[in-house]
mmCIF file of all heavy atoms, coordinates in Angstrom:
data_MODEL
# 
_entry.id   MODEL 
# 
loop_
_atom_site.group_PDB 
_atom_site.id 
_atom_site.type_symbol 
_atom_site.label_atom_id 
_atom_site.label_alt_id 
_atom_site.label_comp_id 
_atom_site.label_asym_id 
_atom_site.label_entity_id 
_atom_site.label_seq_id 
_atom_site.pdbx_PDB_ins_code 
_atom_site.Cartn_x 
_atom_site.Cartn_y 
_atom_site.Cartn_z 
_atom_site.occupancy 
_atom_site.B_iso_or_equiv 
_atom_site.pdbx_formal_charge 
_atom_site.auth_seq_id 
_atom_site.auth_comp_id 
_atom_site.auth_asym_id 
_atom_site.auth_atom_id 
_atom_site.pdbx_PDB_model_num 
ATOM 1   N N   . PHE A 1 1  ? 122.672 124.654 138.745 1.00 0.00 ? 1  PHE A N   1 
ATOM 2   C CA  . PHE A 1 1  ? 121.261 125.125 138.302 1.00 0.00 ? 1  PHE A CA  1 
ATOM 3   C C   . PHE A 1 1  ? 121.435 126.660 137.718 1.00 0.00 ? 1  PHE A C   1 
ATOM 4   O O   . PHE A 1 1  ? 120.948 126.882 136.556 1.00 0.00 ? 1  PHE A O   1 
ATOM 5   C CB  . PHE A 1 1  ? 120.220 125.198 139.429 1.00 0.00 ? 1  PHE A CB  1 
ATOM 6   C CG  . PHE A 1 1  ? 118.906 125.842 139.064 1.00 0.00 ? 1  PHE A CG  1 
ATOM 7   C CD1 . PHE A 1 1  ? 117.961 125.208 138.380 1.00 0.00 ? 1  PHE A CD1 1 
ATOM 8   C CD2 . PHE A 1 1  ? 118.780 127.172 139.423 1.00 0.00 ? 1  PHE A CD2 1 
ATOM 9   C CE1 . PHE A 1 1  ? 116.861 125.735 138.053 1.00 0.00 ? 1  PHE A CE1 1 
ATOM 10  C CE2 . PHE A 1 1  ? 117.579 127.659 139.071 1.00 0.00 ? 1  PHE A CE2 1 
ATOM 11  C CZ  . PHE A 1 1  ? 116.592 127.071 138.329 1.00 0.00 ? 1  PHE A CZ  1 
ATOM 12  N N   . LEU A 1 2  ? 122.101 127.416 138.465 1.00 0.00 ? 2  LEU A N   1 
ATOM 13  C CA  . LEU A 1 2  ? 122.342 128.810 138.105 1.00 0.00 ? 2  LEU A CA  1 
ATOM 14  C C   . LEU A 1 2  ? 123.028 129.044 136.810 1.00 0.00 ? 2  LEU A C   1 
ATOM 15  O O   . LEU A 1 2  ? 122.663 129.724 135.815 1.00 0.00 ? 2  LEU A O   1 
ATOM 16  C CB  . LEU A 1 2  ? 123.025 129.656 139.137 1.00 0.00 ? 2  LEU A CB  1 
ATOM 17  C CG  . LEU A 1 2  ? 122.196 130.197 140.362 1.00 0.00 ? 2  LEU A CG  1 
ATOM 18  C CD1 . LEU A 1 2  ? 122.994 130.892 141.395 1.00 0.00 ? 2  LEU A CD1 1 
ATOM 19  C CD2 . LEU A 1 2  ? 121.068 131.122 139.805 1.00 0.00 ? 2  LEU A CD2 1 
ATOM 20  N N   . SER A 1 3  ? 124.267 128.079 136.721 1.00 0.00 ? 3  SER A N   1 
ATOM 21  C CA  . SER A 1 3  ? 125.074 128.273 135.462 1.00 0.00 ? 3  SER A CA  1 
ATOM 22  C C   . SER A 1 3  ? 124.165 127.815 134.150 1.00 0.00 ? 3  SER A C   1 
ATOM 23  O O   . SER A 1 3  ? 124.272 128.506 133.164 1.00 0.00 ? 3  SER A O   1 
ATOM 24  C CB  . SER A 1 3  ? 126.295 127.301 135.690 1.00 0.00 ? 3  SER A CB  1 
ATOM 25  O OG  . SER A 1 3  ? 125.941 125.979 135.584 1.00 0.00 ? 3  SER A OG  1 
ATOM 26  N N   . GLY A 1 4  ? 123.445 126.879 134.325 1.00 0.00 ? 4  GLY A N   1 
ATOM 27  C CA  . GLY A 1 4  ? 122.568 126.454 133.149 1.00 0.00 ? 4  GLY A CA  1 
ATOM 28  C C   . GLY A 1 4  ? 121.604 127.320 132.860 1.00 0.00 ? 4  GLY A C   1 
ATOM 29  O O   . GLY A 1 4  ? 121.267 127.698 131.705 1.00 0.00 ? 4  GLY A O   1 
ATOM 30  N N   . PHE A 1 5  ? 120.947 127.988 134.003 1.00 0.00 ? 5  PHE A N   1 
ATOM 31  C CA  . PHE A 1 5  ? 119.819 128.960 133.834 1.00 0.00 ? 5  PHE A CA  1 
ATOM 32  C C   . PHE A 1 5  ? 120.248 130.207 133.072 1.00 0.00 ? 5  PHE A C   1 
ATOM 33  O O   . PHE A 1 5  ? 119.683 130.625 132.255 1.00 0.00 ? 5  PHE A O   1 
ATOM 34  C CB  . PHE A 1 5  ? 119.364 129.244 135.206 1.00 0.00 ? 5  PHE A CB  1 
ATOM 35  C CG  . PHE A 1 5  ? 118.163 130.222 135.259 1.00 0.00 ? 5  PHE A CG  1 
ATOM 36  C CD1 . PHE A 1 5  ? 116.879 129.790 135.064 1.00 0.00 ? 5  PHE A CD1 1 
ATOM 37  C CD2 . PHE A 1 5  ? 118.394 131.532 135.531 1.00 0.00 ? 5  PHE A CD2 1 
ATOM 38  C CE1 . PHE A 1 5  ? 115.896 130.734 135.158 1.00 0.00 ? 5  PHE A CE1 1 
ATOM 39  C CE2 . PHE A 1 5  ? 117.372 132.493 135.608 1.00 0.00 ? 5  PHE A CE2 1 
ATOM 40  C CZ  . PHE A 1 5  ? 116.050 132.060 135.414 1.00 0.00 ? 5  PHE A CZ  1 
ATOM 41  N N   . ILE A 1 6  ? 121.440 130.647 133.519 1.00 0.00 ? 6  ILE A N   1 
ATOM 42  C CA  . ILE A 1 6  ? 121.976 131.967 132.811 1.00 0.00 ? 6  ILE A CA  1 
ATOM 43  C C   . ILE A 1 6  ? 122.498 131.648 131.465 1.00 0.00 ? 6  ILE A C   1 
ATOM 44  O O   . ILE A 1 6  ? 122.065 132.411 130.504 1.00 0.00 ? 6  ILE A O   1 
ATOM 45  C CB  . ILE A 1 6  ? 123.331 132.505 133.635 1.00 0.00 ? 6  ILE A CB  1 
ATOM 46  C CG1 . ILE A 1 6  ? 122.799 132.801 135.091 1.00 0.00 ? 6  ILE A CG1 1 
ATOM 47  C CG2 . ILE A 1 6  ? 123.882 133.672 133.036 1.00 0.00 ? 6  ILE A CG2 1 
ATOM 48  C CD1 . ILE A 1 6  ? 124.066 132.977 136.012 1.00 0.00 ? 6  ILE A CD1 1 
ATOM 49  N N   . SER A 1 7  ? 123.120 130.604 131.160 1.00 0.00 ? 7  SER A N   1 
ATOM 50  C CA  . SER A 1 7  ? 123.770 130.385 129.815 1.00 0.00 ? 7  SER A CA  1 
ATOM 51  C C   . SER A 1 7  ? 122.697 130.314 128.733 1.00 0.00 ? 7  SER A C   1 
ATOM 52  O O   . SER A 1 7  ? 122.762 131.041 127.654 1.00 0.00 ? 7  SER A O   1 
ATOM 53  C CB  . SER A 1 7  ? 124.602 129.157 129.755 1.00 0.00 ? 7  SER A CB  1 
ATOM 54  O OG  . SER A 1 7  ? 123.832 127.932 130.123 1.00 0.00 ? 7  SER A OG  1 
ATOM 55  N N   . ILE A 1 8  ? 121.608 129.530 128.931 1.00 0.00 ? 8  ILE A N   1 
ATOM 56  C CA  . ILE A 1 8  ? 120.576 129.448 127.913 1.00 0.00 ? 8  ILE A CA  1 
ATOM 57  C C   . ILE A 1 8  ? 119.650 130.593 127.904 1.00 0.00 ? 8  ILE A C   1 
ATOM 58  O O   . ILE A 1 8  ? 119.227 131.070 126.755 1.00 0.00 ? 8  ILE A O   1 
ATOM 59  C CB  . ILE A 1 8  ? 119.685 128.126 128.055 1.00 0.00 ? 8  ILE A CB  1 
ATOM 60  C CG1 . ILE A 1 8  ? 120.736 126.919 128.053 1.00 0.00 ? 8  ILE A CG1 1 
ATOM 61  C CG2 . ILE A 1 8  ? 118.735 128.046 127.044 1.00 0.00 ? 8  ILE A CG2 1 
ATOM 62  C CD1 . ILE A 1 8  ? 121.363 126.785 126.617 1.00 0.00 ? 8  ILE A CD1 1 
ATOM 63  N N   . GLY A 1 9  ? 119.475 131.172 128.989 1.00 0.00 ? 9  GLY A N   1 
ATOM 64  C CA  . GLY A 1 9  ? 118.783 132.451 129.039 1.00 0.00 ? 9  GLY A CA  1 
ATOM 65  C C   . GLY A 1 9  ? 119.297 133.647 128.233 1.00 0.00 ? 9  GLY A C   1 
ATOM 66  O O   . GLY A 1 9  ? 118.544 134.343 127.487 1.00 0.00 ? 9  GLY A O   1 
ATOM 67  N N   . LEU A 1 10 ? 120.619 133.654 128.288 1.00 0.00 ? 10 LEU A N   1 
ATOM 68  C CA  . LEU A 1 10 ? 121.247 134.665 127.476 1.00 0.00 ? 10 LEU A CA  1 
ATOM 69  C C   . LEU A 1 10 ? 121.235 134.265 125.947 1.00 0.00 ? 10 LEU A C   1 
ATOM 70  O O   . LEU A 1 10 ? 121.109 135.205 125.204 1.00 0.00 ? 10 LEU A O   1 
ATOM 71  C CB  . LEU A 1 10 ? 122.860 134.709 127.832 1.00 0.00 ? 10 LEU A CB  1 
ATOM 72  C CG  . LEU A 1 10 ? 123.051 135.275 129.289 1.00 0.00 ? 10 LEU A CG  1 
ATOM 73  C CD1 . LEU A 1 10 ? 124.528 135.204 129.590 1.00 0.00 ? 10 LEU A CD1 1 
ATOM 74  C CD2 . LEU A 1 10 ? 122.607 136.819 129.263 1.00 0.00 ? 10 LEU A CD2 1 
ATOM 75  N N   . GLU A 1 11 ? 121.151 133.149 125.676 1.00 0.00 ? 11 GLU A N   1 
ATOM 76  C CA  . GLU A 1 11 ? 121.003 132.658 124.260 1.00 0.00 ? 11 GLU A CA  1 
ATOM 77  C C   . GLU A 1 11 ? 119.647 133.050 123.778 1.00 0.00 ? 11 GLU A C   1 
ATOM 78  O O   . GLU A 1 11 ? 119.574 133.579 122.663 1.00 0.00 ? 11 GLU A O   1 
ATOM 79  C CB  . GLU A 1 11 ? 121.332 131.075 124.181 1.00 0.00 ? 11 GLU A CB  1 
ATOM 80  C CG  . GLU A 1 11 ? 121.211 130.806 122.667 1.00 0.00 ? 11 GLU A CG  1 
ATOM 81  C CD  . GLU A 1 11 ? 121.554 129.193 122.484 1.00 0.00 ? 11 GLU A CD  1 
ATOM 82  O OE1 . GLU A 1 11 ? 122.100 128.527 123.439 1.00 0.00 ? 11 GLU A OE1 1 
ATOM 83  O OE2 . GLU A 1 11 ? 121.435 128.589 121.412 1.00 0.00 ? 11 GLU A OE2 1 
ATOM 84  N N   . ILE A 1 12 ? 118.652 132.891 124.517 1.00 0.00 ? 12 ILE A N   1 
ATOM 85  C CA  . ILE A 1 12 ? 117.276 133.325 124.219 1.00 0.00 ? 12 ILE A CA  1 
ATOM 86  C C   . ILE A 1 12 ? 117.257 134.845 123.999 1.00 0.00 ? 12 ILE A C   1 
ATOM 87  O O   . ILE A 1 12 ? 116.591 135.335 123.047 1.00 0.00 ? 12 ILE A O   1 
ATOM 88  C CB  . ILE A 1 12 ? 116.280 132.767 125.159 1.00 0.00 ? 12 ILE A CB  1 
ATOM 89  C CG1 . ILE A 1 12 ? 116.233 131.326 125.286 1.00 0.00 ? 12 ILE A CG1 1 
ATOM 90  C CG2 . ILE A 1 12 ? 114.898 133.270 124.836 1.00 0.00 ? 12 ILE A CG2 1 
ATOM 91  C CD1 . ILE A 1 12 ? 115.921 130.655 123.846 1.00 0.00 ? 12 ILE A CD1 1 
ATOM 92  N N   . LEU A 1 13 ? 117.948 135.391 124.906 1.00 0.00 ? 13 LEU A N   1 
ATOM 93  C CA  . LEU A 1 13 ? 117.888 136.964 124.862 1.00 0.00 ? 13 LEU A CA  1 
ATOM 94  C C   . LEU A 1 13 ? 118.628 137.341 123.742 1.00 0.00 ? 13 LEU A C   1 
ATOM 95  O O   . LEU A 1 13 ? 118.279 138.463 122.955 1.00 0.00 ? 13 LEU A O   1 
ATOM 96  C CB  . LEU A 1 13 ? 118.599 137.429 126.133 1.00 0.00 ? 13 LEU A CB  1 
ATOM 97  C CG  . LEU A 1 13 ? 117.778 137.996 127.219 1.00 0.00 ? 13 LEU A CG  1 
ATOM 98  C CD1 . LEU A 1 13 ? 118.642 138.453 128.372 1.00 0.00 ? 13 LEU A CD1 1 
ATOM 99  C CD2 . LEU A 1 13 ? 116.844 139.105 126.814 1.00 0.00 ? 13 LEU A CD2 1 
ATOM 100 N N   . GLY A 1 14 ? 119.642 136.625 123.241 1.00 0.00 ? 14 GLY A N   1 
ATOM 101 C CA  . GLY A 1 14 ? 120.379 136.972 122.009 1.00 0.00 ? 14 GLY A CA  1 
ATOM 102 C C   . GLY A 1 14 ? 119.491 137.154 120.777 1.00 0.00 ? 14 GLY A C   1 
ATOM 103 O O   . GLY A 1 14 ? 119.835 138.042 119.947 1.00 0.00 ? 14 GLY A O   1 
ATOM 104 N N   . PHE A 1 15 ? 118.475 136.400 120.567 1.00 0.00 ? 15 PHE A N   1 
ATOM 105 C CA  . PHE A 1 15 ? 117.622 136.358 119.542 1.00 0.00 ? 15 PHE A CA  1 
ATOM 106 C C   . PHE A 1 15 ? 116.932 137.793 119.508 1.00 0.00 ? 15 PHE A C   1 
ATOM 107 O O   . PHE A 1 15 ? 116.797 138.490 118.354 1.00 0.00 ? 15 PHE A O   1 
ATOM 108 C CB  . PHE A 1 15 ? 116.563 135.331 119.462 1.00 0.00 ? 15 PHE A CB  1 
ATOM 109 C CG  . PHE A 1 15 ? 117.153 133.946 119.149 1.00 0.00 ? 15 PHE A CG  1 
ATOM 110 C CD1 . PHE A 1 15 ? 117.600 133.119 120.129 1.00 0.00 ? 15 PHE A CD1 1 
ATOM 111 C CD2 . PHE A 1 15 ? 117.219 133.595 117.803 1.00 0.00 ? 15 PHE A CD2 1 
ATOM 112 C CE1 . PHE A 1 15 ? 117.929 131.829 119.811 1.00 0.00 ? 15 PHE A CE1 1 
ATOM 113 C CE2 . PHE A 1 15 ? 117.794 132.385 117.563 1.00 0.00 ? 15 PHE A CE2 1 
ATOM 114 C CZ  . PHE A 1 15 ? 118.186 131.430 118.438 1.00 0.00 ? 15 PHE A CZ  1 
ATOM 115 N N   . ARG A 1 16 ? 116.488 138.154 120.599 1.00 0.00 ? 16 ARG A N   1 
ATOM 116 C CA  . ARG A 1 16 ? 115.748 139.497 120.697 1.00 0.00 ? 16 ARG A CA  1 
ATOM 117 C C   . ARG A 1 16 ? 116.795 140.679 120.614 1.00 0.00 ? 16 ARG A C   1 
ATOM 118 O O   . ARG A 1 16 ? 116.388 141.692 120.046 1.00 0.00 ? 16 ARG A O   1 
ATOM 119 C CB  . ARG A 1 16 ? 114.946 139.556 122.088 1.00 0.00 ? 16 ARG A CB  1 
ATOM 120 C CG  . ARG A 1 16 ? 114.096 140.721 122.118 1.00 0.00 ? 16 ARG A CG  1 
ATOM 121 C CD  . ARG A 1 16 ? 113.010 140.801 121.139 1.00 0.00 ? 16 ARG A CD  1 
ATOM 122 N NE  . ARG A 1 16 ? 112.270 141.971 121.173 1.00 0.00 ? 16 ARG A NE  1 
ATOM 123 C CZ  . ARG A 1 16 ? 112.575 143.074 120.531 1.00 0.00 ? 16 ARG A CZ  1 
ATOM 124 N NH1 . ARG A 1 16 ? 113.613 143.041 119.761 1.00 0.00 ? 16 ARG A NH1 1 
ATOM 125 N NH2 . ARG A 1 16 ? 111.781 144.175 120.599 1.00 0.00 ? 16 ARG A NH2 1 
ATOM 126 N N   . ILE A 1 17 ? 117.916 140.494 121.157 1.00 0.00 ? 17 ILE A N   1 
ATOM 127 C CA  . ILE A 1 17 ? 118.884 141.571 121.112 1.00 0.00 ? 17 ILE A CA  1 
ATOM 128 C C   . ILE A 1 17 ? 119.421 141.887 119.574 1.00 0.00 ? 17 ILE A C   1 
ATOM 129 O O   . ILE A 1 17 ? 119.432 143.021 119.183 1.00 0.00 ? 17 ILE A O   1 
ATOM 130 C CB  . ILE A 1 17 ? 120.140 141.197 121.983 1.00 0.00 ? 17 ILE A CB  1 
ATOM 131 C CG1 . ILE A 1 17 ? 119.658 141.226 123.398 1.00 0.00 ? 17 ILE A CG1 1 
ATOM 132 C CG2 . ILE A 1 17 ? 121.182 142.299 121.719 1.00 0.00 ? 17 ILE A CG2 1 
ATOM 133 C CD1 . ILE A 1 17 ? 120.782 140.791 124.351 1.00 0.00 ? 17 ILE A CD1 1 
ATOM 134 N N   . LEU A 1 18 ? 119.558 140.764 118.850 1.00 0.00 ? 18 LEU A N   1 
ATOM 135 C CA  . LEU A 1 18 ? 119.966 140.917 117.497 1.00 0.00 ? 18 LEU A CA  1 
ATOM 136 C C   . LEU A 1 18 ? 118.883 141.269 116.445 1.00 0.00 ? 18 LEU A C   1 
ATOM 137 O O   . LEU A 1 18 ? 119.277 141.973 115.530 1.00 0.00 ? 18 LEU A O   1 
ATOM 138 C CB  . LEU A 1 18 ? 120.647 139.753 117.120 1.00 0.00 ? 18 LEU A CB  1 
ATOM 139 C CG  . LEU A 1 18 ? 122.288 139.465 117.195 1.00 0.00 ? 18 LEU A CG  1 
ATOM 140 C CD1 . LEU A 1 18 ? 122.544 139.532 118.703 1.00 0.00 ? 18 LEU A CD1 1 
ATOM 141 C CD2 . LEU A 1 18 ? 122.754 138.320 116.586 1.00 0.00 ? 18 LEU A CD2 1 
ATOM 142 N N   . SER A 1 19 ? 117.645 141.049 116.845 1.00 0.00 ? 19 SER A N   1 
ATOM 143 C CA  . SER A 1 19 ? 116.601 141.255 115.877 1.00 0.00 ? 19 SER A CA  1 
ATOM 144 C C   . SER A 1 19 ? 116.534 142.584 115.275 1.00 0.00 ? 19 SER A C   1 
ATOM 145 O O   . SER A 1 19 ? 116.192 142.889 114.053 1.00 0.00 ? 19 SER A O   1 
ATOM 146 C CB  . SER A 1 19 ? 115.229 140.803 116.459 1.00 0.00 ? 19 SER A CB  1 
ATOM 147 O OG  . SER A 1 19 ? 114.942 141.613 117.601 1.00 0.00 ? 19 SER A OG  1 
ATOM 148 N N   . PRO A 1 20 ? 116.533 143.650 116.207 1.00 0.00 ? 20 PRO A N   1 
ATOM 149 C CA  . PRO A 1 20 ? 116.461 145.098 115.502 1.00 0.00 ? 20 PRO A CA  1 
ATOM 150 C C   . PRO A 1 20 ? 117.506 145.376 114.561 1.00 0.00 ? 20 PRO A C   1 
ATOM 151 O O   . PRO A 1 20 ? 117.316 146.244 113.571 1.00 0.00 ? 20 PRO A O   1 
ATOM 152 C CB  . PRO A 1 20 ? 116.503 146.037 116.676 1.00 0.00 ? 20 PRO A CB  1 
ATOM 153 C CG  . PRO A 1 20 ? 116.308 145.209 117.953 1.00 0.00 ? 20 PRO A CG  1 
ATOM 154 C CD  . PRO A 1 20 ? 116.762 143.853 117.613 1.00 0.00 ? 20 PRO A CD  1 
ATOM 155 N N   . TYR A 1 21 ? 118.607 144.676 114.541 1.00 0.00 ? 21 TYR A N   1 
ATOM 156 C CA  . TYR A 1 21 ? 119.797 145.079 113.594 1.00 0.00 ? 21 TYR A CA  1 
ATOM 157 C C   . TYR A 1 21 ? 119.894 143.924 112.498 1.00 0.00 ? 21 TYR A C   1 
ATOM 158 O O   . TYR A 1 21 ? 120.313 144.328 111.461 1.00 0.00 ? 21 TYR A O   1 
ATOM 159 C CB  . TYR A 1 21 ? 121.030 145.029 114.372 1.00 0.00 ? 21 TYR A CB  1 
ATOM 160 C CG  . TYR A 1 21 ? 121.067 145.972 115.573 1.00 0.00 ? 21 TYR A CG  1 
ATOM 161 C CD1 . TYR A 1 21 ? 120.683 145.629 116.767 1.00 0.00 ? 21 TYR A CD1 1 
ATOM 162 C CD2 . TYR A 1 21 ? 121.285 147.390 115.257 1.00 0.00 ? 21 TYR A CD2 1 
ATOM 163 C CE1 . TYR A 1 21 ? 120.613 146.559 117.864 1.00 0.00 ? 21 TYR A CE1 1 
ATOM 164 C CE2 . TYR A 1 21 ? 121.356 148.284 116.313 1.00 0.00 ? 21 TYR A CE2 1 
ATOM 165 C CZ  . TYR A 1 21 ? 120.969 147.849 117.591 1.00 0.00 ? 21 TYR A CZ  1 
ATOM 166 O OH  . TYR A 1 21 ? 120.954 148.745 118.681 1.00 0.00 ? 21 TYR A OH  1 
ATOM 167 N N   . PHE A 1 22 ? 119.447 142.759 112.741 1.00 0.00 ? 22 PHE A N   1 
ATOM 168 C CA  . PHE A 1 22 ? 119.785 141.615 111.721 1.00 0.00 ? 22 PHE A CA  1 
ATOM 169 C C   . PHE A 1 22 ? 118.507 140.824 111.467 1.00 0.00 ? 22 PHE A C   1 
ATOM 170 O O   . PHE A 1 22 ? 118.505 139.920 110.728 1.00 0.00 ? 22 PHE A O   1 
ATOM 171 C CB  . PHE A 1 22 ? 120.871 140.806 112.213 1.00 0.00 ? 22 PHE A CB  1 
ATOM 172 C CG  . PHE A 1 22 ? 122.212 141.533 112.572 1.00 0.00 ? 22 PHE A CG  1 
ATOM 173 C CD1 . PHE A 1 22 ? 122.491 141.750 113.846 1.00 0.00 ? 22 PHE A CD1 1 
ATOM 174 C CD2 . PHE A 1 22 ? 122.889 141.930 111.485 1.00 0.00 ? 22 PHE A CD2 1 
ATOM 175 C CE1 . PHE A 1 22 ? 123.655 142.354 114.036 1.00 0.00 ? 22 PHE A CE1 1 
ATOM 176 C CE2 . PHE A 1 22 ? 124.142 142.510 111.765 1.00 0.00 ? 22 PHE A CE2 1 
ATOM 177 C CZ  . PHE A 1 22 ? 124.449 142.778 113.056 1.00 0.00 ? 22 PHE A CZ  1 
ATOM 178 N N   . GLY A 1 23 ? 117.391 141.113 112.130 1.00 0.00 ? 23 GLY A N   1 
ATOM 179 C CA  . GLY A 1 23 ? 116.102 140.361 111.827 1.00 0.00 ? 23 GLY A CA  1 
ATOM 180 C C   . GLY A 1 23 ? 116.170 139.046 112.582 1.00 0.00 ? 23 GLY A C   1 
ATOM 181 O O   . GLY A 1 23 ? 116.872 138.679 113.466 1.00 0.00 ? 23 GLY A O   1 
ATOM 182 N N   . TYR A 1 24 ? 115.299 138.113 112.094 1.00 0.00 ? 24 TYR A N   1 
ATOM 183 C CA  . TYR A 1 24 ? 115.225 136.749 112.665 1.00 0.00 ? 24 TYR A CA  1 
ATOM 184 C C   . TYR A 1 24 ? 115.567 135.715 111.554 1.00 0.00 ? 24 TYR A C   1 
ATOM 185 O O   . TYR A 1 24 ? 115.068 134.586 111.524 1.00 0.00 ? 24 TYR A O   1 
ATOM 186 C CB  . TYR A 1 24 ? 113.771 136.438 113.114 1.00 0.00 ? 24 TYR A CB  1 
ATOM 187 C CG  . TYR A 1 24 ? 113.333 137.336 114.338 1.00 0.00 ? 24 TYR A CG  1 
ATOM 188 C CD1 . TYR A 1 24 ? 112.591 138.501 114.181 1.00 0.00 ? 24 TYR A CD1 1 
ATOM 189 C CD2 . TYR A 1 24 ? 113.770 137.005 115.618 1.00 0.00 ? 24 TYR A CD2 1 
ATOM 190 C CE1 . TYR A 1 24 ? 112.151 139.212 115.259 1.00 0.00 ? 24 TYR A CE1 1 
ATOM 191 C CE2 . TYR A 1 24 ? 113.324 137.665 116.764 1.00 0.00 ? 24 TYR A CE2 1 
ATOM 192 C CZ  . TYR A 1 24 ? 112.568 138.691 116.605 1.00 0.00 ? 24 TYR A CZ  1 
ATOM 193 O OH  . TYR A 1 24 ? 112.204 139.529 117.654 1.00 0.00 ? 24 TYR A OH  1 
# 
């Protein structure tokens, strides 16, 4: 459960992390 929880959570975070530099 934790492994799946972390992996996709980071992917969702990736969109927000990249947005100030590369947009959406």
